[in-house]
Amino acid sequence: MNGERPLRWLAGEIKTPPFSTAGRIEAGVLLRKLQRGERLSMPRSRPIREIGRDCHELRIKDVQQSWRIIYRLDVDAILILEVFQKKTRKTPHRMIRNCRRRLREYDDG
């Protein structure tokens, strides 16, 4: 794959709707940068240590809402753990629990 890491979707999807076309394109561009090995930082991405090592929150500003894509950078892939609409300042605790569970299942599998 030309040295690019594949995306492994453990949960969620990016489609229009509910994403606007512009939001879906922005998410795709940022995910492609990650696949090519670029490290993203604020305001586009931030570490989310509550979930685990190498886990991050990709921040997508859409037309009328904000989206978050929780991912983990692995050596051989980028794991997509969750995609959700951001409605509050803090990441909902159930999202954090779900991501931790998905990682345990993936790592044990």
PDB file of N, CA and C in Angstrom:
ATOM      1  N   MET A   1       0.816  -1.198   0.000  1.00  0.00           N
ATOM      2  CA  MET A   1       0.000   0.000   0.000  1.00  0.00           C
ATOM      3  C   MET A   1       0.855   1.256   0.000  1.00  0.00           C
ATOM      4  N   ASN A   2       1.988   1.206  -0.630  1.00  0.00           N
ATOM      5  CA  ASN A   2       2.883   2.357  -0.768  1.00  0.00           C
ATOM      6  C   ASN A   2       3.318   2.928   0.575  1.00  0.00           C
ATOM      7  N   GLY A   3       3.506   2.085   1.586  1.00  0.00           N
ATOM      8  CA  GLY A   3       3.952   2.552   2.885  1.00  0.00           C
ATOM      9  C   GLY A   3       2.879   3.227   3.704  1.00  0.00           C
ATOM     10  N   GLU A   4       1.656   3.249   3.216  1.00  0.00           N
ATOM     11  CA  GLU A   4       0.569   3.852   3.972  1.00  0.00           C
ATOM     12  C   GLU A   4      -0.062   2.813   4.890  1.00  0.00           C
ATOM     13  N   ARG A   5      -0.402   3.260   6.083  1.00  0.00           N
ATOM     14  CA  ARG A   5      -1.084   2.369   7.025  1.00  0.00           C
ATOM     15  C   ARG A   5      -2.572   2.303   6.676  1.00  0.00           C
ATOM     16  N   PRO A   6      -3.136   1.116   6.655  1.00  0.00           N
ATOM     17  CA  PRO A   6      -4.573   1.016   6.384  1.00  0.00           C
ATOM     18  C   PRO A   6      -5.390   1.479   7.590  1.00  0.00           C
ATOM     19  N   LEU A   7      -6.628   1.863   7.319  1.00  0.00           N
ATOM     20  CA  LEU A   7      -7.584   2.169   8.376  1.00  0.00           C
ATOM     21  C   LEU A   7      -8.299   0.879   8.737  1.00  0.00           C
ATOM     22  N   ARG A   8      -8.391   0.593  10.027  1.00  0.00           N
ATOM     23  CA  ARG A   8      -9.161  -0.551  10.497  1.00  0.00           C
ATOM     24  C   ARG A   8     -10.311  -0.007  11.337  1.00  0.00           C
ATOM     25  N   TRP A   9     -11.512  -0.172  10.834  1.00  0.00           N
ATOM     26  CA  TRP A   9     -12.701   0.382  11.470  1.00  0.00           C
ATOM     27  C   TRP A   9     -13.247  -0.601  12.494  1.00  0.00           C
ATOM     28  N   LEU A  10     -13.102  -0.271  13.774  1.00  0.00           N
ATOM     29  CA  LEU A  10     -13.670  -1.079  14.838  1.00  0.00           C
ATOM     30  C   LEU A  10     -15.077  -0.595  15.185  1.00  0.00           C
ATOM     31  N   ALA A  11     -15.396   0.648  14.802  1.00  0.00           N
ATOM     32  CA  ALA A  11     -16.728   1.216  15.037  1.00  0.00           C
ATOM     33  C   ALA A  11     -16.882   2.479  14.218  1.00  0.00           C
ATOM     34  N   GLY A  12     -18.122   2.834  13.946  1.00  0.00           N
ATOM     35  CA  GLY A  12     -18.427   4.101  13.304  1.00  0.00           C
ATOM     36  C   GLY A  12     -18.244   4.084  11.803  1.00  0.00           C
ATOM     37  N   GLU A  13     -18.670   5.181  11.199  1.00  0.00           N
ATOM     38  CA  GLU A  13     -18.521   5.390   9.769  1.00  0.00           C
ATOM     39  C   GLU A  13     -18.616   6.877   9.491  1.00  0.00           C
ATOM     40  N   ILE A  14     -18.159   7.248   8.317  1.00  0.00           N
ATOM     41  CA  ILE A  14     -18.218   8.647   7.901  1.00  0.00           C
ATOM     42  C   ILE A  14     -18.963   8.670   6.588  1.00  0.00           C
ATOM     43  N   LYS A  15     -20.179   9.181   6.627  1.00  0.00           N
ATOM     44  CA  LYS A  15     -20.969   9.246   5.405  1.00  0.00           C
ATOM     45  C   LYS A  15     -21.858  10.486   5.441  1.00  0.00           C
ATOM     46  N   THR A  16     -22.350  10.842   4.266  1.00  0.00           N
ATOM     47  CA  THR A  16     -23.252  11.985   4.135  1.00  0.00           C
ATOM     48  C   THR A  16     -24.638  11.457   3.798  1.00  0.00           C
ATOM     49  N   PRO A  17     -25.681  11.850   4.605  1.00  0.00           N
ATOM     50  CA  PRO A  17     -25.609  12.391   5.942  1.00  0.00           C
ATOM     51  C   PRO A  17     -25.218  11.317   6.949  1.00  0.00           C
ATOM     52  N   PRO A  18     -24.921  11.620   8.155  1.00  0.00           N
ATOM     53  CA  PRO A  18     -25.132  12.865   8.877  1.00  0.00           C
ATOM     54  C   PRO A  18     -24.025  13.900   8.673  1.00  0.00           C
ATOM     55  N   PHE A  19     -22.826  13.499   8.224  1.00  0.00           N
ATOM     56  CA  PHE A  19     -21.794  14.484   7.911  1.00  0.00           C
ATOM     57  C   PHE A  19     -22.247  15.284   6.695  1.00  0.00           C
ATOM     58  N   SER A  20     -21.883  16.553   6.652  1.00  0.00           N
ATOM     59  CA  SER A  20     -22.068  17.299   5.405  1.00  0.00           C
ATOM     60  C   SER A  20     -21.000  16.808   4.434  1.00  0.00           C
ATOM     61  N   THR A  21     -21.141  17.140   3.174  1.00  0.00           N
ATOM     62  CA  THR A  21     -20.123  16.761   2.195  1.00  0.00           C
ATOM     63  C   THR A  21     -18.777  17.346   2.583  1.00  0.00           C
ATOM     64  N   ALA A  22     -18.772  18.614   3.007  1.00  0.00           N
ATOM     65  CA  ALA A  22     -17.511  19.269   3.403  1.00  0.00           C
ATOM     66  C   ALA A  22     -16.896  18.586   4.626  1.00  0.00           C
ATOM     67  N   GLY A  23     -17.709  18.223   5.602  1.00  0.00           N
ATOM     68  CA  GLY A  23     -17.209  17.546   6.793  1.00  0.00           C
ATOM     69  C   GLY A  23     -16.633  16.179   6.462  1.00  0.00           C
ATOM     70  N   ARG A  24     -17.295  15.452   5.570  1.00  0.00           N
ATOM     71  CA  ARG A  24     -16.818  14.129   5.163  1.00  0.00           C
ATOM     72  C   ARG A  24     -15.490  14.247   4.427  1.00  0.00           C
ATOM     73  N   ILE A  25     -15.370  15.260   3.569  1.00  0.00           N
ATOM     74  CA  ILE A  25     -14.115  15.470   2.838  1.00  0.00           C
ATOM     75  C   ILE A  25     -12.997  15.837   3.808  1.00  0.00           C
ATOM     76  N   GLU A  26     -13.278  16.726   4.753  1.00  0.00           N
ATOM     77  CA  GLU A  26     -12.258  17.110   5.740  1.00  0.00           C
ATOM     78  C   GLU A  26     -11.788  15.892   6.532  1.00  0.00           C
ATOM     79  N   ALA A  27     -12.731  15.060   6.967  1.00  0.00           N
ATOM     80  CA  ALA A  27     -12.362  13.846   7.706  1.00  0.00           C
ATOM     81  C   ALA A  27     -11.483  12.951   6.833  1.00  0.00           C
ATOM     82  N   GLY A  28     -11.847  12.797   5.574  1.00  0.00           N
ATOM     83  CA  GLY A  28     -11.060  11.963   4.664  1.00  0.00           C
ATOM     84  C   GLY A  28      -9.655  12.483   4.456  1.00  0.00           C
ATOM     85  N   VAL A  29      -9.517  13.797   4.299  1.00  0.00           N
ATOM     86  CA  VAL A  29      -8.195  14.398   4.108  1.00  0.00           C
ATOM     87  C   VAL A  29      -7.322  14.178   5.343  1.00  0.00           C
ATOM     88  N   LEU A  30      -7.885  14.392   6.526  1.00  0.00           N
ATOM     89  CA  LEU A  30      -7.112  14.218   7.757  1.00  0.00           C
ATOM     90  C   LEU A  30      -6.736  12.756   7.985  1.00  0.00           C
ATOM     91  N   LEU A  31      -7.653  11.840   7.709  1.00  0.00           N
ATOM     92  CA  LEU A  31      -7.331  10.417   7.855  1.00  0.00           C
ATOM     93  C   LEU A  31      -6.247  10.000   6.856  1.00  0.00           C
ATOM     94  N   ARG A  32      -6.288  10.536   5.659  1.00  0.00           N
ATOM     95  CA  ARG A  32      -5.257  10.224   4.661  1.00  0.00           C
ATOM     96  C   ARG A  32      -3.892  10.713   5.139  1.00  0.00           C
ATOM     97  N   LYS A  33      -3.849  11.898   5.757  1.00  0.00           N
ATOM     98  CA  LYS A  33      -2.579  12.401   6.303  1.00  0.00           C
ATOM     99  C   LYS A  33      -2.031  11.446   7.358  1.00  0.00           C
ATOM    100  N   LEU A  34      -2.911  10.950   8.220  1.00  0.00           N
ATOM    101  CA  LEU A  34      -2.477   9.989   9.229  1.00  0.00           C
ATOM    102  C   LEU A  34      -1.956   8.720   8.576  1.00  0.00           C
ATOM    103  N   GLN A  35      -2.633   8.248   7.544  1.00  0.00           N
ATOM    104  CA  GLN A  35      -2.195   7.040   6.845  1.00  0.00           C
ATOM    105  C   GLN A  35      -0.799   7.209   6.255  1.00  0.00           C
ATOM    106  N   ARG A  36      -0.486   8.408   5.834  1.00  0.00           N
ATOM    107  CA  ARG A  36       0.819   8.687   5.225  1.00  0.00           C
ATOM    108  C   ARG A  36       1.908   8.951   6.255  1.00  0.00           C
ATOM    109  N   GLY A  37       1.538   8.897   7.525  1.00  0.00           N
ATOM    110  CA  GLY A  37       2.537   9.024   8.581  1.00  0.00           C
ATOM    111  C   GLY A  37       2.665  10.408   9.179  1.00  0.00           C
ATOM    112  N   GLU A  38       1.828  11.360   8.766  1.00  0.00           N
ATOM    113  CA  GLU A  38       1.885  12.696   9.355  1.00  0.00           C
ATOM    114  C   GLU A  38       1.350  12.645  10.776  1.00  0.00           C
ATOM    115  N   ARG A  39       1.960  13.413  11.645  1.00  0.00           N
ATOM    116  CA  ARG A  39       1.471  13.557  13.019  1.00  0.00           C
ATOM    117  C   ARG A  39       0.649  14.827  13.071  1.00  0.00           C
ATOM    118  N   LEU A  40      -0.581  14.708  13.466  1.00  0.00           N
ATOM    119  CA  LEU A  40      -1.463  15.866  13.577  1.00  0.00           C
ATOM    120  C   LEU A  40      -1.488  16.341  15.022  1.00  0.00           C
ATOM    121  N   SER A  41      -1.632  17.645  15.197  1.00  0.00           N
ATOM    122  CA  SER A  41      -1.698  18.212  16.544  1.00  0.00           C
ATOM    123  C   SER A  41      -2.859  19.189  16.605  1.00  0.00           C
ATOM    124  N   MET A  42      -2.987  19.871  17.728  1.00  0.00           N
ATOM    125  CA  MET A  42      -4.065  20.853  17.906  1.00  0.00           C
ATOM    126  C   MET A  42      -3.958  21.907  16.812  1.00  0.00           C
ATOM    127  N   PRO A  43      -5.057  22.353  16.285  1.00  0.00           N
ATOM    128  CA  PRO A  43      -6.428  22.093  16.723  1.00  0.00           C
ATOM    129  C   PRO A  43      -7.083  20.879  16.052  1.00  0.00           C
ATOM    130  N   ARG A  44      -6.384  20.175  15.196  1.00  0.00           N
ATOM    131  CA  ARG A  44      -6.968  19.056  14.455  1.00  0.00           C
ATOM    132  C   ARG A  44      -7.040  17.759  15.253  1.00  0.00           C
ATOM    133  N   SER A  45      -6.078  17.523  16.106  1.00  0.00           N
ATOM    134  CA  SER A  45      -6.030  16.266  16.838  1.00  0.00           C
ATOM    135  C   SER A  45      -5.390  16.499  18.196  1.00  0.00           C
ATOM    136  N   ARG A  46      -5.856  15.730  19.173  1.00  0.00           N
ATOM    137  CA  ARG A  46      -5.248  15.820  20.498  1.00  0.00           C
ATOM    138  C   ARG A  46      -5.174  14.429  21.101  1.00  0.00           C
ATOM    139  N   PRO A  47      -4.159  14.187  21.920  1.00  0.00           N
ATOM    140  CA  PRO A  47      -4.077  12.897  22.606  1.00  0.00           C
ATOM    141  C   PRO A  47      -5.253  12.730  23.563  1.00  0.00           C
ATOM    142  N   ILE A  48      -5.705  11.515  23.705  1.00  0.00           N
ATOM    143  CA  ILE A  48      -6.782  11.220  24.644  1.00  0.00           C
ATOM    144  C   ILE A  48      -6.321  10.034  25.489  1.00  0.00           C
ATOM    145  N   ARG A  49      -5.500  10.343  26.465  1.00  0.00           N
ATOM    146  CA  ARG A  49      -4.810   9.345  27.279  1.00  0.00           C
ATOM    147  C   ARG A  49      -5.751   8.505  28.134  1.00  0.00           C
ATOM    148  N   GLU A  50      -6.966   9.029  28.381  1.00  0.00           N
ATOM    149  CA  GLU A  50      -7.931   8.265  29.189  1.00  0.00           C
ATOM    150  C   GLU A  50      -8.265   6.930  28.530  1.00  0.00           C
ATOM    151  N   ILE A  51      -8.101   6.855  27.223  1.00  0.00           N
ATOM    152  CA  ILE A  51      -8.422   5.620  26.505  1.00  0.00           C
ATOM    153  C   ILE A  51      -7.213   4.697  26.452  1.00  0.00           C
ATOM    154  N   GLY A  52      -6.049   5.254  26.163  1.00  0.00           N
ATOM    155  CA  GLY A  52      -4.859   4.418  26.105  1.00  0.00           C
ATOM    156  C   GLY A  52      -3.720   5.097  25.378  1.00  0.00           C
ATOM    157  N   ARG A  53      -2.594   4.410  25.387  1.00  0.00           N
ATOM    158  CA  ARG A  53      -1.398   4.922  24.729  1.00  0.00           C
ATOM    159  C   ARG A  53      -1.636   5.043  23.221  1.00  0.00           C
ATOM    160  N   ASP A  54      -1.125   6.105  22.620  1.00  0.00           N
ATOM    161  CA  ASP A  54      -1.228   6.363  21.181  1.00  0.00           C
ATOM    162  C   ASP A  54      -2.655   6.574  20.702  1.00  0.00           C
ATOM    163  N   CYS A  55      -3.583   6.880  21.614  1.00  0.00           N
ATOM    164  CA  CYS A  55      -4.970   7.173  21.235  1.00  0.00           C
ATOM    165  C   CYS A  55      -5.147   8.687  21.121  1.00  0.00           C
ATOM    166  N   HIS A  56      -5.928   9.078  20.130  1.00  0.00           N
ATOM    167  CA  HIS A  56      -6.134  10.491  19.832  1.00  0.00           C
ATOM    168  C   HIS A  56      -7.576  10.739  19.433  1.00  0.00           C
ATOM    169  N   GLU A  57      -7.932  12.016  19.473  1.00  0.00           N
ATOM    170  CA  GLU A  57      -9.256  12.464  19.078  1.00  0.00           C
ATOM    171  C   GLU A  57      -9.076  13.413  17.895  1.00  0.00           C
ATOM    172  N   LEU A  58      -9.566  12.998  16.736  1.00  0.00           N
ATOM    173  CA  LEU A  58      -9.536  13.837  15.545  1.00  0.00           C
ATOM    174  C   LEU A  58     -10.751  14.748  15.609  1.00  0.00           C
ATOM    175  N   ARG A  59     -10.529  16.032  15.371  1.00  0.00           N
ATOM    176  CA  ARG A  59     -11.583  17.030  15.531  1.00  0.00           C
ATOM    177  C   ARG A  59     -12.017  17.545  14.164  1.00  0.00           C
ATOM    178  N   ILE A  60     -13.284  17.321  13.829  1.00  0.00           N
ATOM    179  CA  ILE A  60     -13.835  17.726  12.536  1.00  0.00           C
ATOM    180  C   ILE A  60     -14.907  18.781  12.785  1.00  0.00           C
ATOM    181  N   LYS A  61     -14.699  19.970  12.232  1.00  0.00           N
ATOM    182  CA  LYS A  61     -15.731  21.007  12.304  1.00  0.00           C
ATOM    183  C   LYS A  61     -16.596  20.890  11.067  1.00  0.00           C
ATOM    184  N   ASP A  62     -17.865  20.640  11.288  1.00  0.00           N
ATOM    185  CA  ASP A  62     -18.813  20.499  10.196  1.00  0.00           C
ATOM    186  C   ASP A  62     -19.666  21.761  10.131  1.00  0.00           C
ATOM    187  N   VAL A  63     -20.587  21.807   9.212  1.00  0.00           N
ATOM    188  CA  VAL A  63     -21.390  23.004   8.982  1.00  0.00           C
ATOM    189  C   VAL A  63     -22.101  23.464  10.253  1.00  0.00           C
ATOM    190  N   GLN A  64     -22.835  22.569  10.896  1.00  0.00           N
ATOM    191  CA  GLN A  64     -23.607  22.966  12.075  1.00  0.00           C
ATOM    192  C   GLN A  64     -23.227  22.220  13.343  1.00  0.00           C
ATOM    193  N   GLN A  65     -22.245  21.338  13.274  1.00  0.00           N
ATOM    194  CA  GLN A  65     -21.849  20.580  14.451  1.00  0.00           C
ATOM    195  C   GLN A  65     -20.391  20.186  14.351  1.00  0.00           C
ATOM    196  N   SER A  66     -19.911  19.612  15.415  1.00  0.00           N
ATOM    197  CA  SER A  66     -18.540  19.105  15.435  1.00  0.00           C
ATOM    198  C   SER A  66     -18.590  17.597  15.599  1.00  0.00           C
ATOM    199  N   TRP A  67     -17.632  16.933  14.974  1.00  0.00           N
ATOM    200  CA  TRP A  67     -17.513  15.486  15.048  1.00  0.00           C
ATOM    201  C   TRP A  67     -16.183  15.122  15.664  1.00  0.00           C
ATOM    202  N   ARG A  68     -16.136  13.949  16.258  1.00  0.00           N
ATOM    203  CA  ARG A  68     -14.896  13.416  16.797  1.00  0.00           C
ATOM    204  C   ARG A  68     -14.698  12.003  16.255  1.00  0.00           C
ATOM    205  N   ILE A  69     -13.464  11.725  15.906  1.00  0.00           N
ATOM    206  CA  ILE A  69     -13.073  10.391  15.489  1.00  0.00           C
ATOM    207  C   ILE A  69     -11.966   9.962  16.441  1.00  0.00           C
ATOM    208  N   ILE A  70     -12.241   8.952  17.240  1.00  0.00           N
ATOM    209  CA  ILE A  70     -11.248   8.443  18.177  1.00  0.00           C
ATOM    210  C   ILE A  70     -10.443   7.371  17.441  1.00  0.00           C
ATOM    211  N   TYR A  71      -9.119   7.508  17.490  1.00  0.00           N
ATOM    212  CA  TYR A  71      -8.267   6.555  16.776  1.00  0.00           C
ATOM    213  C   TYR A  71      -7.021   6.237  17.578  1.00  0.00           C
ATOM    214  N   ARG A  72      -6.406   5.098  17.222  1.00  0.00           N
ATOM    215  CA  ARG A  72      -5.125   4.727  17.813  1.00  0.00           C
ATOM    216  C   ARG A  72      -4.135   4.484  16.683  1.00  0.00           C
ATOM    217  N   LEU A  73      -2.946   5.051  16.856  1.00  0.00           N
ATOM    218  CA  LEU A  73      -1.880   4.858  15.882  1.00  0.00           C
ATOM    219  C   LEU A  73      -1.112   3.593  16.225  1.00  0.00           C
ATOM    220  N   ASP A  74      -1.266   2.574  15.408  1.00  0.00           N
ATOM    221  CA  ASP A  74      -0.492   1.348  15.550  1.00  0.00           C
ATOM    222  C   ASP A  74       0.596   1.348  14.482  1.00  0.00           C
ATOM    223  N   VAL A  75       1.579   0.515  14.637  1.00  0.00           N
ATOM    224  CA  VAL A  75       2.675   0.427  13.678  1.00  0.00           C
ATOM    225  C   VAL A  75       2.159   0.026  12.302  1.00  0.00           C
ATOM    226  N   ASP A  76       1.203  -0.907  12.266  1.00  0.00           N
ATOM    227  CA  ASP A  76       0.749  -1.460  10.997  1.00  0.00           C
ATOM    228  C   ASP A  76      -0.607  -0.945  10.523  1.00  0.00           C
ATOM    229  N   ALA A  77      -1.284  -0.110  11.328  1.00  0.00           N
ATOM    230  CA  ALA A  77      -2.617   0.372  10.951  1.00  0.00           C
ATOM    231  C   ALA A  77      -3.034   1.542  11.827  1.00  0.00           C
ATOM    232  N   ILE A  78      -4.101   2.188  11.397  1.00  0.00           N
ATOM    233  CA  ILE A  78      -4.758   3.200  12.219  1.00  0.00           C
ATOM    234  C   ILE A  78      -6.114   2.622  12.590  1.00  0.00           C
ATOM    235  N   LEU A  79      -6.330   2.416  13.876  1.00  0.00           N
ATOM    236  CA  LEU A  79      -7.575   1.832  14.358  1.00  0.00           C
ATOM    237  C   LEU A  79      -8.592   2.933  14.624  1.00  0.00           C
ATOM    238  N   ILE A  80      -9.739   2.848  14.000  1.00  0.00           N
ATOM    239  CA  ILE A  80     -10.828   3.786  14.256  1.00  0.00           C
ATOM    240  C   ILE A  80     -11.707   3.154  15.323  1.00  0.00           C
ATOM    241  N   LEU A  81     -11.744   3.803  16.487  1.00  0.00           N
ATOM    242  CA  LEU A  81     -12.444   3.247  17.649  1.00  0.00           C
ATOM    243  C   LEU A  81     -13.861   3.767  17.798  1.00  0.00           C
ATOM    244  N   GLU A  82     -14.103   4.992  17.334  1.00  0.00           N
ATOM    245  CA  GLU A  82     -15.424   5.592  17.511  1.00  0.00           C
ATOM    246  C   GLU A  82     -15.537   6.833  16.643  1.00  0.00           C
ATOM    247  N   VAL A  83     -16.731   7.090  16.153  1.00  0.00           N
ATOM    248  CA  VAL A  83     -17.067   8.319  15.434  1.00  0.00           C
ATOM    249  C   VAL A  83     -18.349   8.832  16.080  1.00  0.00           C
ATOM    250  N   PHE A  84     -18.326  10.077  16.555  1.00  0.00           N
ATOM    251  CA  PHE A  84     -19.526  10.596  17.200  1.00  0.00           C
ATOM    252  C   PHE A  84     -19.611  12.109  17.072  1.00  0.00           C
ATOM    253  N   GLN A  85     -20.839  12.603  17.207  1.00  0.00           N
ATOM    254  CA  GLN A  85     -21.095  14.040  17.180  1.00  0.00           C
ATOM    255  C   GLN A  85     -20.763  14.599  18.558  1.00  0.00           C
ATOM    256  N   LYS A  86     -19.965  15.632  18.581  1.00  0.00           N
ATOM    257  CA  LYS A  86     -19.552  16.257  19.840  1.00  0.00           C
ATOM    258  C   LYS A  86     -20.632  17.235  20.276  1.00  0.00           C
ATOM    259  N   LYS A  87     -21.197  16.986  21.465  1.00  0.00           N
ATOM    260  CA  LYS A  87     -22.276  17.836  21.964  1.00  0.00           C
ATOM    261  C   LYS A  87     -21.917  18.534  23.263  1.00  0.00           C
ATOM    262  N   THR A  88     -20.889  18.029  23.953  1.00  0.00           N
ATOM    263  CA  THR A  88     -20.485  18.614  25.230  1.00  0.00           C
ATOM    264  C   THR A  88     -18.982  18.878  25.218  1.00  0.00           C
ATOM    265  N   ARG A  89     -18.512  19.605  26.201  1.00  0.00           N
ATOM    266  CA  ARG A  89     -17.080  19.918  26.290  1.00  0.00           C
ATOM    267  C   ARG A  89     -16.224  18.683  26.501  1.00  0.00           C
ATOM    268  N   LYS A  90     -16.694  17.793  27.343  1.00  0.00           N
ATOM    269  CA  LYS A  90     -15.923  16.593  27.669  1.00  0.00           C
ATOM    270  C   LYS A  90     -16.385  15.423  26.812  1.00  0.00           C
ATOM    271  N   THR A  91     -15.449  14.525  26.559  1.00  0.00           N
ATOM    272  CA  THR A  91     -15.800  13.290  25.855  1.00  0.00           C
ATOM    273  C   THR A  91     -16.661  12.446  26.795  1.00  0.00           C
ATOM    274  N   PRO A  92     -17.842  12.021  26.329  1.00  0.00           N
ATOM    275  CA  PRO A  92     -18.725  11.231  27.202  1.00  0.00           C
ATOM    276  C   PRO A  92     -18.020   9.982  27.730  1.00  0.00           C
ATOM    277  N   HIS A  93     -18.257   9.689  29.000  1.00  0.00           N
ATOM    278  CA  HIS A  93     -17.588   8.561  29.643  1.00  0.00           C
ATOM    279  C   HIS A  93     -17.925   7.238  28.957  1.00  0.00           C
ATOM    280  N   ARG A  94     -19.156   7.099  28.448  1.00  0.00           N
ATOM    281  CA  ARG A  94     -19.512   5.852  27.772  1.00  0.00           C
ATOM    282  C   ARG A  94     -18.699   5.661  26.502  1.00  0.00           C
ATOM    283  N   MET A  95     -18.321   6.747  25.822  1.00  0.00           N
ATOM    284  CA  MET A  95     -17.473   6.646  24.627  1.00  0.00           C
ATOM    285  C   MET A  95     -16.087   6.137  25.018  1.00  0.00           C
ATOM    286  N   ILE A  96     -15.575   6.658  26.118  1.00  0.00           N
ATOM    287  CA  ILE A  96     -14.260   6.230  26.604  1.00  0.00           C
ATOM    288  C   ILE A  96     -14.302   4.747  26.960  1.00  0.00           C
ATOM    289  N   ARG A  97     -15.348   4.318  27.691  1.00  0.00           N
ATOM    290  CA  ARG A  97     -15.508   2.898  28.055  1.00  0.00           C
ATOM    291  C   ARG A  97     -15.594   2.017  26.814  1.00  0.00           C
ATOM    292  N   ASN A  98     -16.404   2.436  25.821  1.00  0.00           N
ATOM    293  CA  ASN A  98     -16.559   1.653  24.592  1.00  0.00           C
ATOM    294  C   ASN A  98     -15.232   1.516  23.855  1.00  0.00           C
ATOM    295  N   CYS A  99     -14.477   2.593  23.789  1.00  0.00           N
ATOM    296  CA  CYS A  99     -13.182   2.553  23.103  1.00  0.00           C
ATOM    297  C   CYS A  99     -12.207   1.633  23.820  1.00  0.00           C
ATOM    298  N   ARG A 100     -12.166   1.703  25.133  1.00  0.00           N
ATOM    299  CA  ARG A 100     -11.288   0.809  25.909  1.00  0.00           C
ATOM    300  C   ARG A 100     -11.650  -0.653  25.671  1.00  0.00           C
ATOM    301  N   ARG A 101     -12.955  -0.941  25.675  1.00  0.00           N
ATOM    302  CA  ARG A 101     -13.427  -2.306  25.443  1.00  0.00           C
ATOM    303  C   ARG A 101     -13.032  -2.780  24.042  1.00  0.00           C
ATOM    304  N   ARG A 102     -13.234  -1.944  23.043  1.00  0.00           N
ATOM    305  CA  ARG A 102     -12.874  -2.321  21.671  1.00  0.00           C
ATOM    306  C   ARG A 102     -11.373  -2.595  21.545  1.00  0.00           C
ATOM    307  N   LEU A 103     -10.566  -1.782  22.208  1.00  0.00           N
ATOM    308  CA  LEU A 103      -9.120  -2.007  22.162  1.00  0.00           C
ATOM    309  C   LEU A 103      -8.734  -3.320  22.838  1.00  0.00           C
ATOM    310  N   ARG A 104      -9.341  -3.614  23.989  1.00  0.00           N
ATOM    311  CA  ARG A 104      -9.060  -4.885  24.673  1.00  0.00           C
ATOM    312  C   ARG A 104      -9.408  -6.055  23.770  1.00  0.00           C
ATOM    313  N   GLU A 105     -10.605  -5.999  23.159  1.00  0.00           N
ATOM    314  CA  GLU A 105     -11.019  -7.077  22.274  1.00  0.00           C
ATOM    315  C   GLU A 105     -10.095  -7.208  21.068  1.00  0.00           C
ATOM    316  N   TYR A 106      -9.689  -6.076  20.511  1.00  0.00           N
ATOM    317  CA  TYR A 106      -8.791  -6.103  19.357  1.00  0.00           C
ATOM    318  C   TYR A 106      -7.423  -6.666  19.733  1.00  0.00           C
ATOM    319  N   ASP A 107      -6.875  -6.172  20.842  1.00  0.00           N
ATOM    320  CA  ASP A 107      -5.545  -6.610  21.269  1.00  0.00           C
ATOM    321  C   ASP A 107      -5.528  -8.078  21.709  1.00  0.00           C
ATOM    322  N   ASP A 108      -6.630  -8.555  22.277  1.00  0.00           N
ATOM    323  CA  ASP A 108      -6.707  -9.956  22.713  1.00  0.00           C
ATOM    324  C   ASP A 108      -6.998 -10.911  21.573  1.00  0.00           C
ATOM    325  N   GLY A 109      -7.611 -10.370  20.501  1.00  0.00           N
ATOM    326  CA  GLY A 109      -8.061 -11.207  19.377  1.00  0.00           C
ATOM    327  C   GLY A 109      -6.981 -11.731  18.571  1.00  0.00           C
TER     328      GLY A 109
END
